[in-house]
Structure formats: structure tokens, C-alpha cells
Amino acid sequence: MVQETVTEKIHVPEGVNVTITGSTLKVKGKSGELSRDFASQLVQVKKDGKDLVLQTETGRKKTRALAGTFGAHIRNMLKGVQEPYEYKLKVCYSHFPIKIKVQGDRVVIENFLGERTPRKARILGAATKVKASGEEVVVTGPDLEAVSQTAANMEQACVIRNFDQRVFQDGIYITSKGA
């Protein structure tokens, strides 16, 4: 059975400004500003007073799934501009001491397994900050996707090949994530 319309309301908290221009949603709060394009013919995002309304024309399964995805992205944006997301990573080594530096939009990992050429990981998002101190690396920012992908890039830059992974467990690993 196909329903006619599906609507979902998302409450905008105090201190957060939301503007919709065409299909672009801009969210501004004390922690930063985020912008995202929600272009779809199936789901419309509208502002209704203090709330955001996601509205679909049909109740088909794919349309409801897309509305749910849009809702999750919007809730992550609203949460991120209030309090930034934070991922903590730990630098583990037993053979060669690993040095980490932040250079522009890259994280440079030096002396990994004694390699001469440094490994690099990309920092995504303009508002994403990486702070390396000793054996702990902290990635913070208002955009959940940029913060989590930056942490994943650092973890993936330290993948070990051609060595026994049971013996060589050196690398950078995510230890905690959240707001």
C-alpha cells in the first residue's frame, strides 16, 4: 500500500540559525557554519517557523529512505554547529617512533616503520582541526562527515603491507568518537 505524503518535522534548537536558499540549507551556530545541498525532486526541505519540515509526495520505500537520510544529515548539522564533533586517535609503535605534523590541509606521518618517505593523510573540510600532541591526535570540527573521514584517512595512511600484522602493529588507531 502506497501512502500519499510523508512529512517529518525536525526541531531547530535555540541559538541556531537556519536559512534555505533553493535546495541549499545553511546552518549557523556557535561552533561554526555548515552548508549542504539537498537537491531532490522526491523530497522537499521547507522551513516552518522554528522547525524544518521534510515532505515527500509519495510514500514509496525509496522516497521514505531518502527522507530519512536527509533528516539524519540535517540533525548531524544541527548538532555539529552547537557542539563540535571530536575523534581521538592514538599513535602506537613498538619499532620506530612515529612523528606527526600538520602541514596545511595534510597530516604528515614521518618515520612510520622506519620509512624514509613520509606518509600523508588529507584533512577534509575547512573547519576541521587536527591537533597532535605526543601519542594522541584529536580531530575536531562541526561537520561529522569531514571529521570522521579525516580520522579514517589518518588510520588508512598507516596500513601495513608486506609485514606480519601480528608482529608489526604500529599505526594510528581511532580510540573514541563523539561530540
N, C-alpha and C. Protein backbone atom coordinates (compact mmCIF):
# COMPACT_ATOMS: atom_id res chain seq x y z
N MET A 1 0.84 -1.19 0.00
CA MET A 1 0.00 0.00 0.00
C MET A 1 0.88 1.25 0.00
N VAL A 2 0.62 2.15 -0.91
CA VAL A 2 1.41 3.37 -1.05
C VAL A 2 0.66 4.53 -0.40
N GLN A 3 1.33 5.20 0.56
CA GLN A 3 0.74 6.36 1.20
C GLN A 3 0.93 7.57 0.30
N GLU A 4 0.13 8.61 0.53
CA GLU A 4 0.23 9.77 -0.35
C GLU A 4 1.39 10.69 0.00
N THR A 5 1.41 11.26 1.19
CA THR A 5 2.51 12.15 1.56
C THR A 5 3.08 11.74 2.91
N VAL A 6 4.36 11.98 3.06
CA VAL A 6 5.05 11.71 4.31
C VAL A 6 5.72 13.00 4.73
N THR A 7 5.53 13.40 5.99
CA THR A 7 6.19 14.60 6.50
C THR A 7 6.93 14.25 7.78
N GLU A 8 8.07 14.90 7.96
CA GLU A 8 8.87 14.73 9.17
C GLU A 8 9.30 16.12 9.63
N LYS A 9 9.09 16.39 10.92
CA LYS A 9 9.49 17.68 11.49
C LYS A 9 10.78 17.52 12.27
N ILE A 10 11.69 18.46 12.07
CA ILE A 10 12.95 18.49 12.81
C ILE A 10 13.00 19.82 13.54
N HIS A 11 13.11 19.74 14.86
CA HIS A 11 13.14 20.96 15.68
C HIS A 11 14.51 21.61 15.60
N VAL A 12 14.52 22.93 15.37
CA VAL A 12 15.76 23.71 15.35
C VAL A 12 15.98 24.27 16.74
N PRO A 13 17.09 23.92 17.42
CA PRO A 13 17.32 24.39 18.79
C PRO A 13 17.59 25.89 18.85
N GLU A 14 17.54 26.42 20.07
CA GLU A 14 17.81 27.84 20.31
C GLU A 14 19.28 28.14 19.98
N GLY A 15 19.54 29.30 19.42
CA GLY A 15 20.91 29.71 19.11
C GLY A 15 21.41 29.21 17.77
N VAL A 16 20.56 28.54 17.01
CA VAL A 16 20.95 28.03 15.69
C VAL A 16 20.10 28.72 14.64
N ASN A 17 20.76 29.32 13.64
CA ASN A 17 20.07 29.98 12.55
C ASN A 17 20.08 29.08 11.33
N VAL A 18 18.91 28.92 10.70
CA VAL A 18 18.78 28.07 9.52
C VAL A 18 18.20 28.91 8.39
N THR A 19 18.86 28.87 7.23
CA THR A 19 18.34 29.53 6.04
C THR A 19 18.31 28.55 4.89
N ILE A 20 17.26 28.65 4.09
CA ILE A 20 17.12 27.78 2.92
C ILE A 20 17.08 28.67 1.68
N THR A 21 18.02 28.42 0.77
CA THR A 21 18.07 29.15 -0.50
C THR A 21 18.01 28.11 -1.61
N GLY A 22 16.86 28.02 -2.26
CA GLY A 22 16.70 26.98 -3.28
C GLY A 22 16.71 25.61 -2.61
N SER A 23 17.69 24.80 -2.95
CA SER A 23 17.82 23.48 -2.32
C SER A 23 19.00 23.43 -1.35
N THR A 24 19.63 24.58 -1.11
CA THR A 24 20.79 24.65 -0.21
C THR A 24 20.34 25.05 1.19
N LEU A 25 20.77 24.27 2.17
CA LEU A 25 20.45 24.53 3.57
C LEU A 25 21.71 25.02 4.26
N LYS A 26 21.62 26.19 4.91
CA LYS A 26 22.75 26.73 5.67
C LYS A 26 22.37 26.75 7.14
N VAL A 27 23.27 26.21 7.97
CA VAL A 27 23.05 26.14 9.41
C VAL A 27 24.21 26.86 10.08
N LYS A 28 23.88 27.80 10.97
CA LYS A 28 24.90 28.58 11.65
C LYS A 28 24.66 28.55 13.15
N GLY A 29 25.74 28.25 13.90
CA GLY A 29 25.65 28.19 15.35
C GLY A 29 26.94 28.69 15.97
N LYS A 30 27.08 28.47 17.29
CA LYS A 30 28.25 28.98 17.99
C LYS A 30 29.53 28.26 17.62
N SER A 31 29.43 27.03 17.12
CA SER A 31 30.61 26.24 16.79
C SER A 31 31.05 26.40 15.33
N GLY A 32 30.21 26.98 14.49
CA GLY A 32 30.60 27.15 13.10
C GLY A 32 29.40 27.25 12.20
N GLU A 33 29.68 27.16 10.92
CA GLU A 33 28.64 27.28 9.90
C GLU A 33 28.79 26.15 8.90
N LEU A 34 27.68 25.50 8.54
CA LEU A 34 27.68 24.41 7.58
C LEU A 34 26.67 24.70 6.48
N SER A 35 26.98 24.20 5.30
CA SER A 35 26.10 24.36 4.16
C SER A 35 26.05 23.04 3.40
N ARG A 36 24.84 22.68 2.94
CA ARG A 36 24.71 21.42 2.21
C ARG A 36 23.57 21.54 1.21
N ASP A 37 23.75 20.92 0.06
CA ASP A 37 22.74 20.95 -0.99
C ASP A 37 21.86 19.71 -0.87
N PHE A 38 20.56 19.91 -0.72
CA PHE A 38 19.60 18.82 -0.63
C PHE A 38 18.72 18.84 -1.88
N ALA A 39 19.34 18.68 -3.04
CA ALA A 39 18.61 18.72 -4.30
C ALA A 39 17.97 17.36 -4.56
N SER A 40 16.66 17.35 -4.62
CA SER A 40 15.93 16.13 -4.92
C SER A 40 14.53 16.52 -5.41
N GLN A 41 14.04 15.78 -6.37
CA GLN A 41 12.68 16.01 -6.83
C GLN A 41 11.68 15.26 -5.96
N LEU A 42 12.17 14.31 -5.16
CA LEU A 42 11.29 13.48 -4.36
C LEU A 42 11.04 14.05 -2.96
N VAL A 43 12.03 14.75 -2.39
CA VAL A 43 11.91 15.25 -1.02
C VAL A 43 12.16 16.77 -1.02
N GLN A 44 11.27 17.51 -0.38
CA GLN A 44 11.43 18.95 -0.26
C GLN A 44 11.73 19.29 1.20
N VAL A 45 12.68 20.20 1.40
CA VAL A 45 13.02 20.70 2.73
C VAL A 45 12.48 22.12 2.83
N LYS A 46 11.60 22.34 3.82
CA LYS A 46 10.99 23.65 3.99
C LYS A 46 11.13 24.09 5.44
N LYS A 47 11.10 25.42 5.63
CA LYS A 47 11.17 25.99 6.97
C LYS A 47 9.76 26.37 7.40
N ASP A 48 9.39 25.91 8.60
CA ASP A 48 8.05 26.19 9.13
C ASP A 48 8.21 26.76 10.54
N GLY A 49 8.37 28.08 10.63
CA GLY A 49 8.58 28.71 11.93
C GLY A 49 9.94 28.34 12.49
N LYS A 50 9.96 27.65 13.63
CA LYS A 50 11.21 27.21 14.26
C LYS A 50 11.63 25.81 13.79
N ASP A 51 10.80 25.15 13.03
CA ASP A 51 11.06 23.77 12.63
C ASP A 51 11.41 23.67 11.16
N LEU A 52 12.08 22.58 10.81
CA LEU A 52 12.30 22.22 9.42
C LEU A 52 11.37 21.05 9.10
N VAL A 53 10.77 21.09 7.92
CA VAL A 53 9.83 20.05 7.52
C VAL A 53 10.36 19.36 6.27
N LEU A 54 10.45 18.05 6.34
CA LEU A 54 10.78 17.23 5.17
C LEU A 54 9.48 16.66 4.65
N GLN A 55 9.20 16.92 3.38
CA GLN A 55 7.93 16.49 2.82
C GLN A 55 8.15 15.73 1.53
N THR A 56 7.43 14.62 1.39
CA THR A 56 7.51 13.82 0.17
C THR A 56 6.13 13.75 -0.47
N GLU A 57 6.12 13.57 -1.77
CA GLU A 57 4.85 13.46 -2.49
C GLU A 57 4.29 12.05 -2.45
N THR A 58 5.18 11.06 -2.45
CA THR A 58 4.73 9.67 -2.40
C THR A 58 5.31 9.00 -1.17
N GLY A 59 4.71 7.92 -0.77
CA GLY A 59 5.19 7.18 0.39
C GLY A 59 5.95 5.93 0.01
N ARG A 60 6.56 5.93 -1.16
CA ARG A 60 7.31 4.76 -1.59
C ARG A 60 8.52 4.53 -0.71
N LYS A 61 8.99 3.31 -0.73
CA LYS A 61 10.08 2.92 0.16
C LYS A 61 11.35 3.72 -0.10
N LYS A 62 11.73 3.91 -1.35
CA LYS A 62 12.95 4.66 -1.67
C LYS A 62 12.80 6.12 -1.30
N THR A 63 11.63 6.67 -1.46
CA THR A 63 11.39 8.06 -1.11
C THR A 63 11.45 8.26 0.40
N ARG A 64 10.87 7.33 1.16
CA ARG A 64 10.94 7.41 2.62
C ARG A 64 12.38 7.26 3.09
N ALA A 65 13.14 6.37 2.44
CA ALA A 65 14.55 6.18 2.80
C ALA A 65 15.35 7.45 2.54
N LEU A 66 15.10 8.12 1.42
CA LEU A 66 15.79 9.36 1.10
C LEU A 66 15.42 10.46 2.09
N ALA A 67 14.15 10.51 2.50
CA ALA A 67 13.73 11.49 3.50
C ALA A 67 14.42 11.22 4.84
N GLY A 68 14.56 9.96 5.19
CA GLY A 68 15.27 9.60 6.43
C GLY A 68 16.74 9.98 6.37
N THR A 69 17.36 9.80 5.21
CA THR A 69 18.76 10.17 5.04
C THR A 69 18.92 11.69 5.16
N PHE A 70 18.05 12.43 4.50
CA PHE A 70 18.09 13.89 4.60
C PHE A 70 17.91 14.33 6.06
N GLY A 71 16.98 13.70 6.77
CA GLY A 71 16.74 14.04 8.17
C GLY A 71 17.96 13.78 9.04
N ALA A 72 18.64 12.66 8.80
CA ALA A 72 19.84 12.34 9.57
C ALA A 72 20.95 13.35 9.30
N HIS A 73 21.13 13.75 8.04
CA HIS A 73 22.14 14.75 7.70
C HIS A 73 21.83 16.09 8.38
N ILE A 74 20.56 16.48 8.36
CA ILE A 74 20.17 17.76 8.96
C ILE A 74 20.38 17.73 10.48
N ARG A 75 20.01 16.63 11.13
CA ARG A 75 20.21 16.52 12.59
C ARG A 75 21.70 16.55 12.93
N ASN A 76 22.55 15.90 12.12
CA ASN A 76 24.00 15.95 12.34
C ASN A 76 24.53 17.38 12.19
N MET A 77 24.00 18.12 11.20
CA MET A 77 24.42 19.50 11.01
C MET A 77 24.02 20.36 12.21
N LEU A 78 22.78 20.19 12.68
CA LEU A 78 22.30 20.97 13.82
C LEU A 78 23.10 20.67 15.08
N LYS A 79 23.46 19.42 15.29
CA LYS A 79 24.24 19.03 16.46
C LYS A 79 25.68 19.55 16.35
N GLY A 80 26.24 19.50 15.14
CA GLY A 80 27.63 19.91 14.94
C GLY A 80 27.87 21.39 15.11
N VAL A 81 26.91 22.23 14.74
CA VAL A 81 27.11 23.67 14.90
C VAL A 81 26.88 24.12 16.34
N GLN A 82 26.27 23.27 17.15
CA GLN A 82 26.12 23.58 18.57
C GLN A 82 27.37 23.17 19.34
N GLU A 83 27.80 21.94 19.15
CA GLU A 83 28.96 21.40 19.84
C GLU A 83 29.75 20.58 18.82
N PRO A 84 31.04 20.89 18.61
CA PRO A 84 31.79 20.21 17.54
C PRO A 84 32.00 18.72 17.84
N TYR A 85 32.09 17.97 16.77
CA TYR A 85 32.40 16.55 16.87
C TYR A 85 33.88 16.38 17.15
N GLU A 86 34.23 15.31 17.87
CA GLU A 86 35.62 15.09 18.26
C GLU A 86 35.97 13.61 18.14
N TYR A 87 37.01 13.34 17.40
CA TYR A 87 37.55 11.98 17.28
C TYR A 87 38.93 11.98 17.90
N LYS A 88 39.22 10.96 18.71
CA LYS A 88 40.54 10.83 19.31
C LYS A 88 41.21 9.60 18.70
N LEU A 89 42.48 9.78 18.35
CA LEU A 89 43.27 8.70 17.78
C LEU A 89 44.52 8.51 18.62
N LYS A 90 45.03 7.30 18.63
CA LYS A 90 46.24 7.01 19.39
C LYS A 90 47.31 6.52 18.43
N VAL A 91 48.53 7.03 18.62
CA VAL A 91 49.68 6.63 17.83
C VAL A 91 50.34 5.47 18.56
N CYS A 92 50.42 4.31 17.92
CA CYS A 92 51.01 3.12 18.52
C CYS A 92 52.24 2.71 17.71
N TYR A 93 53.34 2.47 18.41
CA TYR A 93 54.54 1.98 17.73
C TYR A 93 55.35 1.16 18.72
N SER A 94 56.06 0.19 18.18
CA SER A 94 56.96 -0.60 19.02
C SER A 94 58.35 -0.67 18.42
N HIS A 95 58.48 -0.34 17.15
CA HIS A 95 59.76 -0.46 16.48
C HIS A 95 60.44 0.89 16.23
N PHE A 96 59.73 1.80 15.58
CA PHE A 96 60.27 3.10 15.24
C PHE A 96 59.32 4.17 15.74
N PRO A 97 59.82 5.21 16.42
CA PRO A 97 58.93 6.26 16.91
C PRO A 97 58.33 7.06 15.75
N ILE A 98 57.03 7.19 15.77
CA ILE A 98 56.29 7.88 14.71
C ILE A 98 56.17 9.35 15.09
N LYS A 99 56.43 10.24 14.12
CA LYS A 99 56.27 11.68 14.32
C LYS A 99 55.11 12.15 13.45
N ILE A 100 54.27 13.00 14.02
CA ILE A 100 53.11 13.52 13.29
C ILE A 100 53.17 15.03 13.25
N LYS A 101 52.98 15.59 12.05
CA LYS A 101 52.94 17.05 11.87
C LYS A 101 51.72 17.40 11.02
N VAL A 102 51.17 18.58 11.28
CA VAL A 102 50.07 19.09 10.46
C VAL A 102 50.66 20.19 9.58
N GLN A 103 50.54 19.99 8.25
CA GLN A 103 51.05 20.97 7.29
C GLN A 103 49.93 21.33 6.32
N GLY A 104 49.31 22.47 6.56
CA GLY A 104 48.23 22.93 5.68
C GLY A 104 47.02 22.02 5.79
N ASP A 105 46.63 21.41 4.65
CA ASP A 105 45.48 20.52 4.65
C ASP A 105 45.91 19.05 4.64
N ARG A 106 47.09 18.76 5.16
CA ARG A 106 47.63 17.40 5.22
C ARG A 106 48.17 17.10 6.61
N VAL A 107 48.08 15.84 6.99
CA VAL A 107 48.76 15.33 8.18
C VAL A 107 49.92 14.49 7.67
N VAL A 108 51.14 14.84 8.08
CA VAL A 108 52.34 14.15 7.63
C VAL A 108 52.79 13.19 8.73
N ILE A 109 52.91 11.91 8.36
CA ILE A 109 53.31 10.87 9.30
C ILE A 109 54.73 10.45 8.92
N GLU A 110 55.69 10.77 9.78
CA GLU A 110 57.10 10.51 9.46
C GLU A 110 57.62 9.34 10.27
N ASN A 111 58.60 8.66 9.72
CA ASN A 111 59.33 7.56 10.35
C ASN A 111 58.41 6.37 10.66
N PHE A 112 57.37 6.17 9.87
CA PHE A 112 56.48 5.03 10.07
C PHE A 112 57.21 3.77 9.60
N LEU A 113 57.45 2.86 10.50
CA LEU A 113 58.20 1.62 10.25
C LEU A 113 59.59 1.90 9.68
N GLY A 114 60.14 3.06 10.01
CA GLY A 114 61.48 3.41 9.56
C GLY A 114 61.55 3.84 8.12
N GLU A 115 60.41 4.12 7.49
CA GLU A 115 60.41 4.52 6.08
C GLU A 115 60.98 5.93 5.93
N ARG A 116 61.66 6.13 4.83
CA ARG A 116 62.25 7.46 4.59
C ARG A 116 61.23 8.46 4.08
N THR A 117 60.33 8.01 3.23
CA THR A 117 59.33 8.93 2.69
C THR A 117 58.15 9.02 3.66
N PRO A 118 57.72 10.22 3.98
CA PRO A 118 56.59 10.35 4.91
C PRO A 118 55.28 9.96 4.24
N ARG A 119 54.37 9.45 5.04
CA ARG A 119 53.02 9.15 4.57
C ARG A 119 52.15 10.36 4.88
N LYS A 120 51.16 10.59 4.02
CA LYS A 120 50.32 11.77 4.17
C LYS A 120 48.85 11.37 4.18
N ALA A 121 48.09 12.10 4.99
CA ALA A 121 46.64 11.91 5.06
C ALA A 121 45.98 13.27 4.87
N ARG A 122 44.92 13.31 4.11
CA ARG A 122 44.24 14.56 3.80
C ARG A 122 43.28 14.98 4.91
N ILE A 123 43.24 16.27 5.21
CA ILE A 123 42.28 16.83 6.15
C ILE A 123 41.13 17.41 5.33
N LEU A 124 39.93 16.90 5.55
CA LEU A 124 38.76 17.36 4.80
C LEU A 124 38.04 18.45 5.56
N GLY A 125 37.41 19.35 4.83
CA GLY A 125 36.63 20.41 5.45
C GLY A 125 37.48 21.59 5.89
N ALA A 126 36.96 22.78 5.69
CA ALA A 126 37.71 23.98 6.05
C ALA A 126 37.75 24.19 7.55
N ALA A 127 36.72 23.72 8.27
CA ALA A 127 36.64 23.97 9.70
C ALA A 127 37.19 22.82 10.54
N THR A 128 37.71 21.77 9.90
CA THR A 128 38.25 20.62 10.64
C THR A 128 39.63 20.95 11.15
N LYS A 129 39.84 20.71 12.44
CA LYS A 129 41.12 20.99 13.09
C LYS A 129 41.73 19.69 13.56
N VAL A 130 43.06 19.53 13.34
CA VAL A 130 43.81 18.37 13.80
C VAL A 130 44.88 18.86 14.76
N LYS A 131 44.91 18.26 15.94
CA LYS A 131 45.89 18.64 16.96
C LYS A 131 46.63 17.38 17.38
N ALA A 132 47.94 17.37 17.15
CA ALA A 132 48.77 16.22 17.51
C ALA A 132 49.67 16.61 18.68
N SER A 133 49.59 15.83 19.75
CA SER A 133 50.45 16.07 20.91
C SER A 133 50.87 14.72 21.47
N GLY A 134 52.15 14.41 21.30
CA GLY A 134 52.67 13.15 21.81
C GLY A 134 52.07 11.96 21.08
N GLU A 135 51.44 11.08 21.84
CA GLU A 135 50.84 9.88 21.26
C GLU A 135 49.35 10.01 21.04
N GLU A 136 48.80 11.20 21.19
CA GLU A 136 47.37 11.40 20.99
C GLU A 136 47.12 12.43 19.90
N VAL A 137 46.18 12.13 19.04
CA VAL A 137 45.77 13.03 17.96
C VAL A 137 44.28 13.28 18.14
N VAL A 138 43.87 14.56 18.10
CA VAL A 138 42.47 14.92 18.26
C VAL A 138 42.01 15.65 17.00
N VAL A 139 40.92 15.16 16.41
CA VAL A 139 40.33 15.78 15.22
C VAL A 139 38.98 16.35 15.64
N THR A 140 38.77 17.66 15.44
CA THR A 140 37.52 18.30 15.82
C THR A 140 36.98 19.13 14.68
N GLY A 141 35.66 19.33 14.69
CA GLY A 141 35.02 20.17 13.69
C GLY A 141 33.51 20.03 13.73
N PRO A 142 32.78 20.95 13.12
CA PRO A 142 31.32 20.89 13.15
C PRO A 142 30.71 19.89 12.17
N ASP A 143 31.45 19.51 11.13
CA ASP A 143 30.92 18.62 10.11
C ASP A 143 31.32 17.18 10.43
N LEU A 144 30.34 16.35 10.77
CA LEU A 144 30.61 14.97 11.17
C LEU A 144 31.31 14.19 10.07
N GLU A 145 30.88 14.36 8.84
CA GLU A 145 31.47 13.59 7.73
C GLU A 145 32.93 13.97 7.50
N ALA A 146 33.24 15.25 7.57
CA ALA A 146 34.62 15.69 7.36
C ALA A 146 35.53 15.22 8.49
N VAL A 147 35.05 15.30 9.73
CA VAL A 147 35.85 14.88 10.88
C VAL A 147 36.10 13.38 10.83
N SER A 148 35.06 12.60 10.59
CA SER A 148 35.22 11.14 10.59
C SER A 148 36.06 10.68 9.41
N GLN A 149 35.92 11.31 8.24
CA GLN A 149 36.72 10.91 7.09
C GLN A 149 38.19 11.30 7.27
N THR A 150 38.45 12.42 7.93
CA THR A 150 39.83 12.81 8.22
C THR A 150 40.49 11.79 9.15
N ALA A 151 39.75 11.37 10.18
CA ALA A 151 40.29 10.35 11.09
C ALA A 151 40.51 9.03 10.35
N ALA A 152 39.61 8.67 9.48
CA ALA A 152 39.76 7.44 8.71
C ALA A 152 40.94 7.54 7.74
N ASN A 153 41.16 8.72 7.16
CA ASN A 153 42.31 8.91 6.27
C ASN A 153 43.62 8.70 7.02
N MET A 154 43.68 9.19 8.26
CA MET A 154 44.90 9.01 9.04
C MET A 154 45.11 7.53 9.38
N GLU A 155 44.04 6.84 9.70
CA GLU A 155 44.13 5.42 10.01
C GLU A 155 44.54 4.62 8.77
N GLN A 156 43.99 4.96 7.62
CA GLN A 156 44.29 4.24 6.38
C GLN A 156 45.69 4.55 5.85
N ALA A 157 46.24 5.70 6.21
CA ALA A 157 47.59 6.03 5.75
C ALA A 157 48.63 5.13 6.39
N CYS A 158 48.28 4.50 7.50
CA CYS A 158 49.23 3.66 8.23
C CYS A 158 48.95 2.17 8.06
N VAL A 159 48.35 1.79 6.95
CA VAL A 159 48.11 0.37 6.70
C VAL A 159 49.45 -0.30 6.40
N ILE A 160 49.68 -1.44 7.03
CA ILE A 160 50.95 -2.16 6.89
C ILE A 160 50.81 -3.24 5.81
N ARG A 161 51.74 -3.21 4.87
CA ARG A 161 51.78 -4.22 3.81
C ARG A 161 53.16 -4.89 3.83
N ASN A 162 53.21 -6.13 3.43
CA ASN A 162 54.44 -6.92 3.31
C ASN A 162 55.12 -7.20 4.64
N PHE A 163 54.42 -7.02 5.75
CA PHE A 163 54.92 -7.38 7.06
C PHE A 163 53.84 -8.19 7.77
N ASP A 164 54.24 -8.98 8.74
CA ASP A 164 53.28 -9.74 9.53
C ASP A 164 52.54 -8.79 10.47
N GLN A 165 51.22 -8.66 10.29
CA GLN A 165 50.45 -7.70 11.07
C GLN A 165 50.31 -8.11 12.53
N ARG A 166 50.60 -9.37 12.83
CA ARG A 166 50.56 -9.80 14.23
C ARG A 166 51.78 -9.30 14.99
N VAL A 167 52.87 -9.09 14.27
CA VAL A 167 54.11 -8.61 14.89
C VAL A 167 54.20 -7.09 14.79
N PHE A 168 53.93 -6.55 13.60
CA PHE A 168 54.02 -5.12 13.35
C PHE A 168 52.63 -4.50 13.51
N GLN A 169 52.32 -4.09 14.71
CA GLN A 169 51.01 -3.49 14.98
C GLN A 169 51.11 -1.97 15.11
N ASP A 170 52.12 -1.41 14.48
CA ASP A 170 52.31 0.04 14.52
C ASP A 170 51.21 0.70 13.70
N GLY A 171 50.86 1.93 14.07
CA GLY A 171 49.88 2.68 13.30
C GLY A 171 49.18 3.72 14.14
N ILE A 172 48.16 4.31 13.54
CA ILE A 172 47.31 5.30 14.21
C ILE A 172 45.91 4.70 14.21
N TYR A 173 45.31 4.62 15.39
CA TYR A 173 44.02 3.96 15.54
C TYR A 173 43.02 4.87 16.24
N ILE A 174 41.77 4.86 15.79
CA ILE A 174 40.70 5.63 16.41
C ILE A 174 40.36 4.97 17.75
N THR A 175 40.38 5.77 18.83
CA THR A 175 40.07 5.24 20.15
C THR A 175 38.71 5.70 20.65
N SER A 176 38.27 6.91 20.30
CA SER A 176 36.95 7.36 20.71
C SER A 176 36.42 8.35 19.69
N LYS A 177 35.09 8.37 19.60
CA LYS A 177 34.45 9.32 18.69
C LYS A 177 33.15 9.81 19.31
N GLY A 178 32.80 11.01 18.98
CA GLY A 178 31.57 11.57 19.52
C GLY A 178 31.64 13.08 19.57
N ALA A 179 30.64 13.65 20.25
CA ALA A 179 30.55 15.11 20.35
C ALA A 179 31.19 15.58 21.62
